[in-house]
PDB file of N, CA and C in Angstrom:
ATOM      1  N   MET A   1     -14.351  95.887 172.474  1.00  0.00           N
ATOM      2  CA  MET A   1     -14.403  97.213 173.033  1.00  0.00           C
ATOM      3  C   MET A   1     -13.102  97.914 172.701  1.00  0.00           C
ATOM      4  N   ASP A   2     -13.201  99.145 172.265  1.00  0.00           N
ATOM      5  CA  ASP A   2     -12.041  99.979 171.989  1.00  0.00           C
ATOM      6  C   ASP A   2     -11.899 100.989 173.111  1.00  0.00           C
ATOM      7  N   VAL A   3     -10.689 101.180 173.597  1.00  0.00           N
ATOM      8  CA  VAL A   3     -10.400 102.199 174.595  1.00  0.00           C
ATOM      9  C   VAL A   3      -9.196 102.976 174.094  1.00  0.00           C
ATOM     10  N   GLU A   4      -9.288 104.286 174.174  1.00  0.00           N
ATOM     11  CA  GLU A   4      -8.171 105.129 173.766  1.00  0.00           C
ATOM     12  C   GLU A   4      -7.684 105.920 174.970  1.00  0.00           C
ATOM     13  N   ASP A   5      -6.495 105.581 175.446  1.00  0.00           N
ATOM     14  CA  ASP A   5      -5.870 106.273 176.562  1.00  0.00           C
ATOM     15  C   ASP A   5      -5.107 107.455 175.975  1.00  0.00           C
ATOM     16  N   ARG A   6      -5.605 108.665 176.211  1.00  0.00           N
ATOM     17  CA  ARG A   6      -5.011 109.865 175.625  1.00  0.00           C
ATOM     18  C   ARG A   6      -4.111 110.620 176.598  1.00  0.00           C
ATOM     19  N   GLY A   7      -3.590 109.963 177.601  1.00  0.00           N
ATOM     20  CA  GLY A   7      -2.775 110.652 178.590  1.00  0.00           C
ATOM     21  C   GLY A   7      -3.653 111.047 179.757  1.00  0.00           C
ATOM     22  N   GLY A   8      -3.141 111.878 180.623  1.00  0.00           N
ATOM     23  CA  GLY A   8      -4.043 112.179 181.710  1.00  0.00           C
ATOM     24  C   GLY A   8      -3.528 113.233 182.649  1.00  0.00           C
ATOM     25  N   PRO A   9      -4.279 113.536 183.634  1.00  0.00           N
ATOM     26  CA  PRO A   9      -5.638 113.019 183.797  1.00  0.00           C
ATOM     27  C   PRO A   9      -6.605 113.723 182.842  1.00  0.00           C
ATOM     28  N   GLY A  10      -7.446 112.972 182.185  1.00  0.00           N
ATOM     29  CA  GLY A  10      -8.382 113.543 181.224  1.00  0.00           C
ATOM     30  C   GLY A  10      -9.778 113.633 181.787  1.00  0.00           C
ATOM     31  N   GLY A  11     -10.690 114.169 181.005  1.00  0.00           N
ATOM     32  CA  GLY A  11     -12.093 114.275 181.413  1.00  0.00           C
ATOM     33  C   GLY A  11     -12.256 115.131 182.644  1.00  0.00           C
ATOM     34  N   SER A  12     -13.151 114.728 183.532  1.00  0.00           N
ATOM     35  CA  SER A  12     -13.381 115.492 184.760  1.00  0.00           C
ATOM     36  C   SER A  12     -12.769 114.753 185.939  1.00  0.00           C
ATOM     37  N   HIS A  13     -11.481 114.505 185.841  1.00  0.00           N
ATOM     38  CA  HIS A  13     -10.706 113.828 186.880  1.00  0.00           C
ATOM     39  C   HIS A  13     -10.797 114.614 188.187  1.00  0.00           C
ATOM     40  N   ALA A  14     -10.778 113.917 189.289  1.00  0.00           N
ATOM     41  CA  ALA A  14     -10.949 114.564 190.604  1.00  0.00           C
ATOM     42  C   ALA A  14      -9.936 115.672 190.863  1.00  0.00           C
ATOM     43  N   ASN A  15      -8.741 115.539 190.340  1.00  0.00           N
ATOM     44  CA  ASN A  15      -7.717 116.566 190.546  1.00  0.00           C
ATOM     45  C   ASN A  15      -7.680 117.578 189.410  1.00  0.00           C
ATOM     46  N   GLY A  16      -8.711 117.609 188.628  1.00  0.00           N
ATOM     47  CA  GLY A  16      -8.768 118.544 187.505  1.00  0.00           C
ATOM     48  C   GLY A  16      -8.338 117.860 186.228  1.00  0.00           C
ATOM     49  N   GLY A  17      -9.223 117.832 185.259  1.00  0.00           N
ATOM     50  CA  GLY A  17      -8.923 117.147 184.014  1.00  0.00           C
ATOM     51  C   GLY A  17      -8.164 118.032 183.047  1.00  0.00           C
ATOM     52  N   LYS A  18      -7.409 117.387 182.176  1.00  0.00           N
ATOM     53  CA  LYS A  18      -6.713 118.076 181.106  1.00  0.00           C
ATOM     54  C   LYS A  18      -7.158 117.455 179.791  1.00  0.00           C
ATOM     55  N   PRO A  19      -7.536 118.273 178.822  1.00  0.00           N
ATOM     56  CA  PRO A  19      -7.913 117.721 177.523  1.00  0.00           C
ATOM     57  C   PRO A  19      -6.717 117.012 176.885  1.00  0.00           C
ATOM     58  N   PRO A  20      -6.934 116.072 176.031  1.00  0.00           N
ATOM     59  CA  PRO A  20      -8.223 115.498 175.651  1.00  0.00           C
ATOM     60  C   PRO A  20      -8.600 114.350 176.581  1.00  0.00           C
ATOM     61  N   PRO A  21      -9.902 114.134 176.801  1.00  0.00           N
ATOM     62  CA  PRO A  21     -10.339 113.025 177.652  1.00  0.00           C
ATOM     63  C   PRO A  21     -10.142 111.675 176.952  1.00  0.00           C
ATOM     64  N   ASP A  22     -10.028 110.620 177.751  1.00  0.00           N
ATOM     65  CA  ASP A  22      -9.973 109.267 177.199  1.00  0.00           C
ATOM     66  C   ASP A  22     -11.306 108.950 176.542  1.00  0.00           C
ATOM     67  N   ARG A  23     -11.290 107.988 175.626  1.00  0.00           N
ATOM     68  CA  ARG A  23     -12.501 107.603 174.905  1.00  0.00           C
ATOM     69  C   ARG A  23     -12.706 106.093 175.007  1.00  0.00           C
ATOM     70  N   TYR A  24     -13.953 105.667 174.830  1.00  0.00           N
ATOM     71  CA  TYR A  24     -14.254 104.234 174.782  1.00  0.00           C
ATOM     72  C   TYR A  24     -15.299 104.003 173.702  1.00  0.00           C
ATOM     73  N   ARG A  25     -15.381 102.787 173.207  1.00  0.00           N
ATOM     74  CA  ARG A  25     -16.396 102.411 172.226  1.00  0.00           C
ATOM     75  C   ARG A  25     -16.620 100.921 172.353  1.00  0.00           C
ATOM     76  N   ILE A  26     -17.858 100.504 172.491  1.00  0.00           N
ATOM     77  CA  ILE A  26     -18.192  99.078 172.504  1.00  0.00           C
ATOM     78  C   ILE A  26     -19.237  98.829 171.432  1.00  0.00           C
ATOM     79  N   ARG A  27     -18.988  97.815 170.632  1.00  0.00           N
ATOM     80  CA  ARG A  27     -19.924  97.416 169.585  1.00  0.00           C
ATOM     81  C   ARG A  27     -20.214  95.932 169.758  1.00  0.00           C
ATOM     82  N   ILE A  28     -21.492  95.570 169.665  1.00  0.00           N
ATOM     83  CA  ILE A  28     -21.894  94.173 169.779  1.00  0.00           C
ATOM     84  C   ILE A  28     -22.785  93.836 168.591  1.00  0.00           C
ATOM     85  N   TRP A  29     -22.419  92.788 167.868  1.00  0.00           N
ATOM     86  CA  TRP A  29     -23.227  92.297 166.765  1.00  0.00           C
ATOM     87  C   TRP A  29     -23.909  91.009 167.213  1.00  0.00           C
ATOM     88  N   VAL A  30     -25.229  90.961 167.133  1.00  0.00           N
ATOM     89  CA  VAL A  30     -25.987  89.735 167.374  1.00  0.00           C
ATOM     90  C   VAL A  30     -26.147  89.075 166.011  1.00  0.00           C
ATOM     91  N   LEU A  31     -25.688  87.847 165.883  1.00  0.00           N
ATOM     92  CA  LEU A  31     -25.697  87.193 164.580  1.00  0.00           C
ATOM     93  C   LEU A  31     -27.108  86.953 164.062  1.00  0.00           C
ATOM     94  N   THR A  32     -27.296  87.253 162.780  1.00  0.00           N
ATOM     95  CA  THR A  32     -28.550  86.936 162.113  1.00  0.00           C
ATOM     96  C   THR A  32     -28.575  85.431 161.849  1.00  0.00           C
ATOM     97  N   ASP A  33     -29.723  84.917 161.408  1.00  0.00           N
ATOM     98  CA  ASP A  33     -29.800  83.491 161.077  1.00  0.00           C
ATOM     99  C   ASP A  33     -28.811  83.142 159.970  1.00  0.00           C
ATOM    100  N   ALA A  34     -28.686  84.010 158.960  1.00  0.00           N
ATOM    101  CA  ALA A  34     -27.754  83.760 157.852  1.00  0.00           C
ATOM    102  C   ALA A  34     -26.307  83.763 158.353  1.00  0.00           C
ATOM    103  N   GLU A  35     -25.972  84.702 159.223  1.00  0.00           N
ATOM    104  CA  GLU A  35     -24.614  84.752 159.772  1.00  0.00           C
ATOM    105  C   GLU A  35     -24.336  83.530 160.645  1.00  0.00           C
ATOM    106  N   GLN A  36     -25.320  83.099 161.397  1.00  0.00           N
ATOM    107  CA  GLN A  36     -25.158  81.899 162.224  1.00  0.00           C
ATOM    108  C   GLN A  36     -24.907  80.679 161.345  1.00  0.00           C
ATOM    109  N   ALA A  37     -25.621  80.586 160.214  1.00  0.00           N
ATOM    110  CA  ALA A  37     -25.404  79.472 159.288  1.00  0.00           C
ATOM    111  C   ALA A  37     -23.986  79.524 158.719  1.00  0.00           C
ATOM    112  N   GLU A  38     -23.504  80.716 158.382  1.00  0.00           N
ATOM    113  CA  GLU A  38     -22.139  80.852 157.879  1.00  0.00           C
ATOM    114  C   GLU A  38     -21.125  80.464 158.961  1.00  0.00           C
ATOM    115  N   LEU A  39     -21.378  80.875 160.198  1.00  0.00           N
ATOM    116  CA  LEU A  39     -20.496  80.505 161.300  1.00  0.00           C
ATOM    117  C   LEU A  39     -20.393  78.985 161.417  1.00  0.00           C
ATOM    118  N   ASN A  40     -21.493  78.309 161.112  1.00  0.00           N
ATOM    119  CA  ASN A  40     -21.531  76.844 161.189  1.00  0.00           C
ATOM    120  C   ASN A  40     -21.007  76.179 159.923  1.00  0.00           C
ATOM    121  N   GLY A  41     -20.474  76.979 158.971  1.00  0.00           N
ATOM    122  CA  GLY A  41     -19.791  76.387 157.829  1.00  0.00           C
ATOM    123  C   GLY A  41     -20.463  76.480 156.486  1.00  0.00           C
ATOM    124  N   SER A  42     -21.625  77.119 156.378  1.00  0.00           N
ATOM    125  CA  SER A  42     -22.271  77.207 155.067  1.00  0.00           C
ATOM    126  C   SER A  42     -22.343  78.663 154.616  1.00  0.00           C
ATOM    127  N   GLY A  43     -22.645  78.870 153.336  1.00  0.00           N
ATOM    128  CA  GLY A  43     -22.783  80.223 152.821  1.00  0.00           C
ATOM    129  C   GLY A  43     -21.485  80.767 152.259  1.00  0.00           C
ATOM    130  N   PRO A  44     -21.529  82.036 151.829  1.00  0.00           N
ATOM    131  CA  PRO A  44     -20.367  82.630 151.157  1.00  0.00           C
ATOM    132  C   PRO A  44     -19.190  82.959 152.080  1.00  0.00           C
ATOM    133  N   ASP A  45     -19.398  82.972 153.385  1.00  0.00           N
ATOM    134  CA  ASP A  45     -18.325  83.301 154.339  1.00  0.00           C
ATOM    135  C   ASP A  45     -18.238  82.196 155.389  1.00  0.00           C
ATOM    136  N   PRO A  46     -17.734  80.991 154.986  1.00  0.00           N
ATOM    137  CA  PRO A  46     -17.676  79.877 155.924  1.00  0.00           C
ATOM    138  C   PRO A  46     -16.933  80.251 157.210  1.00  0.00           C
ATOM    139  N   VAL A  47     -17.464  79.826 158.321  1.00  0.00           N
ATOM    140  CA  VAL A  47     -17.012  80.105 159.682  1.00  0.00           C
ATOM    141  C   VAL A  47     -16.965  81.599 159.985  1.00  0.00           C
ATOM    142  N   LEU A  48     -17.624  82.379 159.164  1.00  0.00           N
ATOM    143  CA  LEU A  48     -17.750  83.830 159.354  1.00  0.00           C
ATOM    144  C   LEU A  48     -16.385  84.515 159.448  1.00  0.00           C
ATOM    145  N   TYR A  49     -15.416  83.961 158.714  1.00  0.00           N
ATOM    146  CA  TYR A  49     -14.042  84.447 158.790  1.00  0.00           C
ATOM    147  C   TYR A  49     -13.928  85.922 158.412  1.00  0.00           C
ATOM    148  N   ALA A  50     -14.475  86.336 157.282  1.00  0.00           N
ATOM    149  CA  ALA A  50     -14.341  87.723 156.820  1.00  0.00           C
ATOM    150  C   ALA A  50     -15.004  88.697 157.800  1.00  0.00           C
ATOM    151  N   PHE A  51     -16.172  88.334 158.297  1.00  0.00           N
ATOM    152  CA  PHE A  51     -16.880  89.176 159.261  1.00  0.00           C
ATOM    153  C   PHE A  51     -16.054  89.331 160.537  1.00  0.00           C
ATOM    154  N   ARG A  52     -15.591  88.210 161.079  1.00  0.00           N
ATOM    155  CA  ARG A  52     -14.822  88.257 162.328  1.00  0.00           C
ATOM    156  C   ARG A  52     -13.506  88.995 162.139  1.00  0.00           C
ATOM    157  N   ASN A  53     -12.857  88.822 160.988  1.00  0.00           N
ATOM    158  CA  ASN A  53     -11.615  89.522 160.717  1.00  0.00           C
ATOM    159  C   ASN A  53     -11.856  91.030 160.604  1.00  0.00           C
ATOM    160  N   ALA A  54     -12.973  91.425 159.987  1.00  0.00           N
ATOM    161  CA  ALA A  54     -13.278  92.847 159.805  1.00  0.00           C
ATOM    162  C   ALA A  54     -13.466  93.567 161.137  1.00  0.00           C
ATOM    163  N   ILE A  55     -14.076  92.901 162.105  1.00  0.00           N
ATOM    164  CA  ILE A  55     -14.359  93.576 163.384  1.00  0.00           C
ATOM    165  C   ILE A  55     -13.325  93.277 164.458  1.00  0.00           C
ATOM    166  N   SER A  56     -12.237  92.614 164.086  1.00  0.00           N
ATOM    167  CA  SER A  56     -11.226  92.255 165.086  1.00  0.00           C
ATOM    168  C   SER A  56     -10.558  93.483 165.669  1.00  0.00           C
ATOM    169  N   ALA A  57      -9.991  93.327 166.846  1.00  0.00           N
ATOM    170  CA  ALA A  57      -9.382  94.439 167.575  1.00  0.00           C
ATOM    171  C   ALA A  57      -8.259  95.115 166.800  1.00  0.00           C
ATOM    172  N   CYS A  58      -7.505  94.385 166.025  1.00  0.00           N
ATOM    173  CA  CYS A  58      -6.363  94.988 165.329  1.00  0.00           C
ATOM    174  C   CYS A  58      -6.780  96.046 164.312  1.00  0.00           C
ATOM    175  N   ASN A  59      -7.987  95.967 163.794  1.00  0.00           N
ATOM    176  CA  ASN A  59      -8.424  96.978 162.831  1.00  0.00           C
ATOM    177  C   ASN A  59      -8.643  98.330 163.481  1.00  0.00           C
ATOM    178  N   GLY A  60      -8.781  98.370 164.796  1.00  0.00           N
ATOM    179  CA  GLY A  60      -9.001  99.640 165.472  1.00  0.00           C
ATOM    180  C   GLY A  60      -7.740 100.374 165.865  1.00  0.00           C
ATOM    181  N   VAL A  61      -6.585  99.807 165.570  1.00  0.00           N
ATOM    182  CA  VAL A  61      -5.325 100.403 166.012  1.00  0.00           C
ATOM    183  C   VAL A  61      -5.074 101.754 165.360  1.00  0.00           C
ATOM    184  N   SER A  62      -5.433 101.914 164.091  1.00  0.00           N
ATOM    185  CA  SER A  62      -5.082 103.133 163.368  1.00  0.00           C
ATOM    186  C   SER A  62      -6.232 104.115 163.210  1.00  0.00           C
ATOM    187  N   ALA A  63      -7.386 103.851 163.807  1.00  0.00           N
ATOM    188  CA  ALA A  63      -8.531 104.766 163.693  1.00  0.00           C
ATOM    189  C   ALA A  63      -9.158 104.967 165.060  1.00  0.00           C
ATOM    190  N   ARG A  64      -9.467 106.207 165.393  1.00  0.00           N
ATOM    191  CA  ARG A  64     -10.084 106.485 166.688  1.00  0.00           C
ATOM    192  C   ARG A  64     -11.382 105.709 166.819  1.00  0.00           C
ATOM    193  N   ASP A  65     -11.601 105.088 167.955  1.00  0.00           N
ATOM    194  CA  ASP A  65     -12.796 104.282 168.234  1.00  0.00           C
ATOM    195  C   ASP A  65     -12.959 103.121 167.271  1.00  0.00           C
ATOM    196  N   GLY A  66     -11.917 102.704 166.617  1.00  0.00           N
ATOM    197  CA  GLY A  66     -12.037 101.616 165.661  1.00  0.00           C
ATOM    198  C   GLY A  66     -12.467 102.089 164.305  1.00  0.00           C
ATOM    199  N   ALA A  67     -13.296 103.072 164.230  1.00  0.00           N
ATOM    200  CA  ALA A  67     -13.732 103.672 162.965  1.00  0.00           C
ATOM    201  C   ALA A  67     -14.387 105.013 163.292  1.00  0.00           C
ATOM    202  N   ASP A  68     -14.075 106.010 162.540  1.00  0.00           N
ATOM    203  CA  ASP A  68     -14.654 107.337 162.786  1.00  0.00           C
ATOM    204  C   ASP A  68     -16.028 107.459 162.154  1.00  0.00           C
ATOM    205  N   VAL A  69     -16.976 106.749 162.716  1.00  0.00           N
ATOM    206  CA  VAL A  69     -18.364 106.839 162.262  1.00  0.00           C
ATOM    207  C   VAL A  69     -19.241 107.056 163.486  1.00  0.00           C
ATOM    208  N   PRO A  70     -20.373 107.733 163.316  1.00  0.00           N
ATOM    209  CA  PRO A  70     -21.267 107.940 164.462  1.00  0.00           C
ATOM    210  C   PRO A  70     -21.794 106.619 165.023  1.00  0.00           C
ATOM    211  N   ASN A  71     -22.139 106.621 166.299  1.00  0.00           N
ATOM    212  CA  ASN A  71     -22.725 105.433 166.923  1.00  0.00           C
ATOM    213  C   ASN A  71     -23.931 104.961 166.114  1.00  0.00           C
ATOM    214  N   GLY A  72     -24.053 103.658 165.968  1.00  0.00           N
ATOM    215  CA  GLY A  72     -25.205 103.069 165.299  1.00  0.00           C
ATOM    216  C   GLY A  72     -25.086 102.962 163.793  1.00  0.00           C
ATOM    217  N   THR A  73     -23.926 103.291 163.219  1.00  0.00           N
ATOM    218  CA  THR A  73     -23.762 103.180 161.775  1.00  0.00           C
ATOM    219  C   THR A  73     -22.791 102.049 161.448  1.00  0.00           C
ATOM    220  N   ALA A  74     -22.828 101.610 160.195  1.00  0.00           N
ATOM    221  CA  ALA A  74     -21.960 100.521 159.756  1.00  0.00           C
ATOM    222  C   ALA A  74     -20.503 100.899 159.956  1.00  0.00           C
ATOM    223  N   ALA A  75     -19.695  99.921 160.303  1.00  0.00           N
ATOM    224  CA  ALA A  75     -18.270 100.142 160.517  1.00  0.00           C
ATOM    225  C   ALA A  75     -17.488  98.933 160.029  1.00  0.00           C
ATOM    226  N   PHE A  76     -16.250  99.147 159.658  1.00  0.00           N
ATOM    227  CA  PHE A  76     -15.334  98.081 159.253  1.00  0.00           C
ATOM    228  C   PHE A  76     -15.810  97.324 158.016  1.00  0.00           C
ATOM    229  N   GLY A  77     -16.673  97.917 157.226  1.00  0.00           N
ATOM    230  CA  GLY A  77     -17.153  97.255 156.023  1.00  0.00           C
ATOM    231  C   GLY A  77     -18.219  96.208 156.270  1.00  0.00           C
ATOM    232  N   VAL A  78     -18.789  96.175 157.455  1.00  0.00           N
ATOM    233  CA  VAL A  78     -19.883  95.248 157.761  1.00  0.00           C
ATOM    234  C   VAL A  78     -21.087  96.054 158.227  1.00  0.00           C
ATOM    235  N   ARG A  79     -22.184  95.374 158.450  1.00  0.00           N
ATOM    236  CA  ARG A  79     -23.420  96.055 158.860  1.00  0.00           C
ATOM    237  C   ARG A  79     -23.257  96.758 160.202  1.00  0.00           C
ATOM    238  N   ALA A  80     -24.200  97.629 160.494  1.00  0.00           N
ATOM    239  CA  ALA A  80     -24.174  98.347 161.771  1.00  0.00           C
ATOM    240  C   ALA A  80     -24.317  97.354 162.924  1.00  0.00           C
ATOM    241  N   PRO A  81     -23.658  97.605 164.050  1.00  0.00           N
ATOM    242  CA  PRO A  81     -23.808  96.714 165.202  1.00  0.00           C
ATOM    243  C   PRO A  81     -25.193  96.839 165.819  1.00  0.00           C
ATOM    244  N   ASP A  82     -25.611  95.804 166.509  1.00  0.00           N
ATOM    245  CA  ASP A  82     -26.906  95.835 167.194  1.00  0.00           C
ATOM    246  C   ASP A  82     -26.838  96.717 168.441  1.00  0.00           C
ATOM    247  N   ILE A  83     -25.692  96.746 169.075  1.00  0.00           N
ATOM    248  CA  ILE A  83     -25.470  97.603 170.241  1.00  0.00           C
ATOM    249  C   ILE A  83     -24.209  98.406 169.967  1.00  0.00           C
ATOM    250  N   ASP A  84     -24.293  99.717 170.119  1.00  0.00           N
ATOM    251  CA  ASP A  84     -23.161 100.590 169.823  1.00  0.00           C
ATOM    252  C   ASP A  84     -23.173 101.739 170.819  1.00  0.00           C
ATOM    253  N   ASP A  85     -22.175 101.791 171.667  1.00  0.00           N
ATOM    254  CA  ASP A  85     -22.102 102.845 172.674  1.00  0.00           C
ATOM    255  C   ASP A  85     -20.668 103.331 172.759  1.00  0.00           C
ATOM    256  N   GLY A  86     -20.492 104.606 172.996  1.00  0.00           N
ATOM    257  CA  GLY A  86     -19.142 105.123 173.126  1.00  0.00           C
ATOM    258  C   GLY A  86     -19.136 106.620 173.299  1.00  0.00           C
ATOM    259  N   GLY A  87     -17.977 107.136 173.601  1.00  0.00           N
ATOM    260  CA  GLY A  87     -17.796 108.564 173.754  1.00  0.00           C
ATOM    261  C   GLY A  87     -16.645 108.864 174.682  1.00  0.00           C
ATOM    262  N   GLU A  88     -16.605 110.086 175.155  1.00  0.00           N
ATOM    263  CA  GLU A  88     -15.543 110.504 176.050  1.00  0.00           C
ATOM    264  C   GLU A  88     -15.842 110.047 177.473  1.00  0.00           C
ATOM    265  N   LEU A  89     -14.810 109.587 178.162  1.00  0.00           N
ATOM    266  CA  LEU A  89     -14.974 109.212 179.564  1.00  0.00           C
ATOM    267  C   LEU A  89     -15.127 110.486 180.382  1.00  0.00           C
ATOM    268  N   GLN A  90     -16.201 110.585 181.108  1.00  0.00           N
ATOM    269  CA  GLN A  90     -16.456 111.771 181.918  1.00  0.00           C
ATOM    270  C   GLN A  90     -15.760 111.694 183.264  1.00  0.00           C
ATOM    271  N   ARG A  91     -15.635 110.507 183.794  1.00  0.00           N
ATOM    272  CA  ARG A  91     -14.989 110.293 185.085  1.00  0.00           C
ATOM    273  C   ARG A  91     -14.050 109.103 184.949  1.00  0.00           C
ATOM    274  N   GLY A  92     -13.012 109.124 185.704  1.00  0.00           N
ATOM    275  CA  GLY A  92     -12.103 107.991 185.681  1.00  0.00           C
ATOM    276  C   GLY A  92     -11.062 108.110 184.599  1.00  0.00           C
ATOM    277  N   LYS A  93     -10.315 107.043 184.463  1.00  0.00           N
ATOM    278  CA  LYS A  93      -9.168 107.033 183.571  1.00  0.00           C
ATOM    279  C   LYS A  93      -9.031 105.652 182.976  1.00  0.00           C
ATOM    280  N   ALA A  94      -8.891 105.569 181.673  1.00  0.00           N
ATOM    281  CA  ALA A  94      -8.625 104.301 181.007  1.00  0.00           C
ATOM    282  C   ALA A  94      -7.121 104.061 181.047  1.00  0.00           C
ATOM    283  N   GLN A  95      -6.712 103.020 181.727  1.00  0.00           N
ATOM    284  CA  GLN A  95      -5.293 102.696 181.837  1.00  0.00           C
ATOM    285  C   GLN A  95      -4.964 101.541 180.907  1.00  0.00           C
ATOM    286  N   ILE A  96      -4.011 101.723 180.044  1.00  0.00           N
ATOM    287  CA  ILE A  96      -3.575 100.665 179.136  1.00  0.00           C
ATOM    288  C   ILE A  96      -2.063 100.535 179.301  1.00  0.00           C
ATOM    289  N   HIS A  97      -1.633  99.698 180.249  1.00  0.00           N
ATOM    290  CA  HIS A  97      -0.213  99.512 180.546  1.00  0.00           C
ATOM    291  C   HIS A  97       0.061  98.045 180.780  1.00  0.00           C
ATOM    292  N   PRO A  98       0.850  97.343 180.050  1.00  0.00           N
ATOM    293  CA  PRO A  98       1.268  97.668 178.706  1.00  0.00           C
ATOM    294  C   PRO A  98       0.100  97.482 177.748  1.00  0.00           C
ATOM    295  N   SER A  99       0.347  97.667 176.458  1.00  0.00           N
ATOM    296  CA  SER A  99      -0.736  97.507 175.494  1.00  0.00           C
ATOM    297  C   SER A  99      -1.374  96.145 175.661  1.00  0.00           C
ATOM    298  N   VAL A 100      -2.690  96.081 175.469  1.00  0.00           N
ATOM    299  CA  VAL A 100      -3.450  94.863 175.698  1.00  0.00           C
ATOM    300  C   VAL A 100      -2.980  93.742 174.778  1.00  0.00           C
ATOM    301  N   MET A 101      -2.749  94.059 173.527  1.00  0.00           N
ATOM    302  CA  MET A 101      -2.269  93.045 172.581  1.00  0.00           C
ATOM    303  C   MET A 101      -1.428  93.697 171.512  1.00  0.00           C
ATOM    304  N   LYS A 102      -0.503  92.964 170.977  1.00  0.00           N
ATOM    305  CA  LYS A 102       0.351  93.482 169.917  1.00  0.00           C
ATOM    306  C   LYS A 102      -0.309  93.184 168.581  1.00  0.00           C
ATOM    307  N   CYS A 103      -0.512  94.201 167.782  1.00  0.00           N
ATOM    308  CA  CYS A 103      -1.110  94.035 166.458  1.00  0.00           C
ATOM    309  C   CYS A 103      -0.073  94.422 165.407  1.00  0.00           C
ATOM    310  N   ASN A 104       0.086  93.593 164.399  1.00  0.00           N
ATOM    311  CA  ASN A 104       1.044  93.881 163.337  1.00  0.00           C
ATOM    312  C   ASN A 104       0.334  94.358 162.096  1.00  0.00           C
TER     313      ASN A 104
END
């Protein structure tokens, strides 16, 4: 899941929101039979290393929502996710203090 804390209060915060609102994006890939076989060590991408590296959290550091593509389309150089949801937070606030993980 990608969350972008854009300052605050954003969206329709109870005390009045200020643009831009925070954003979120969640993508879930359900492995195909071929991907499952690769995860188990066979095929062109043993242990699914390239796939897992492509969708890792660090790739989303420099692009809004991980990739600037519409929901339901391919991202990070891999197939489209099976579940893809995201957008601006209408209520509440995404707090990221300190950063969740350090990416180099």
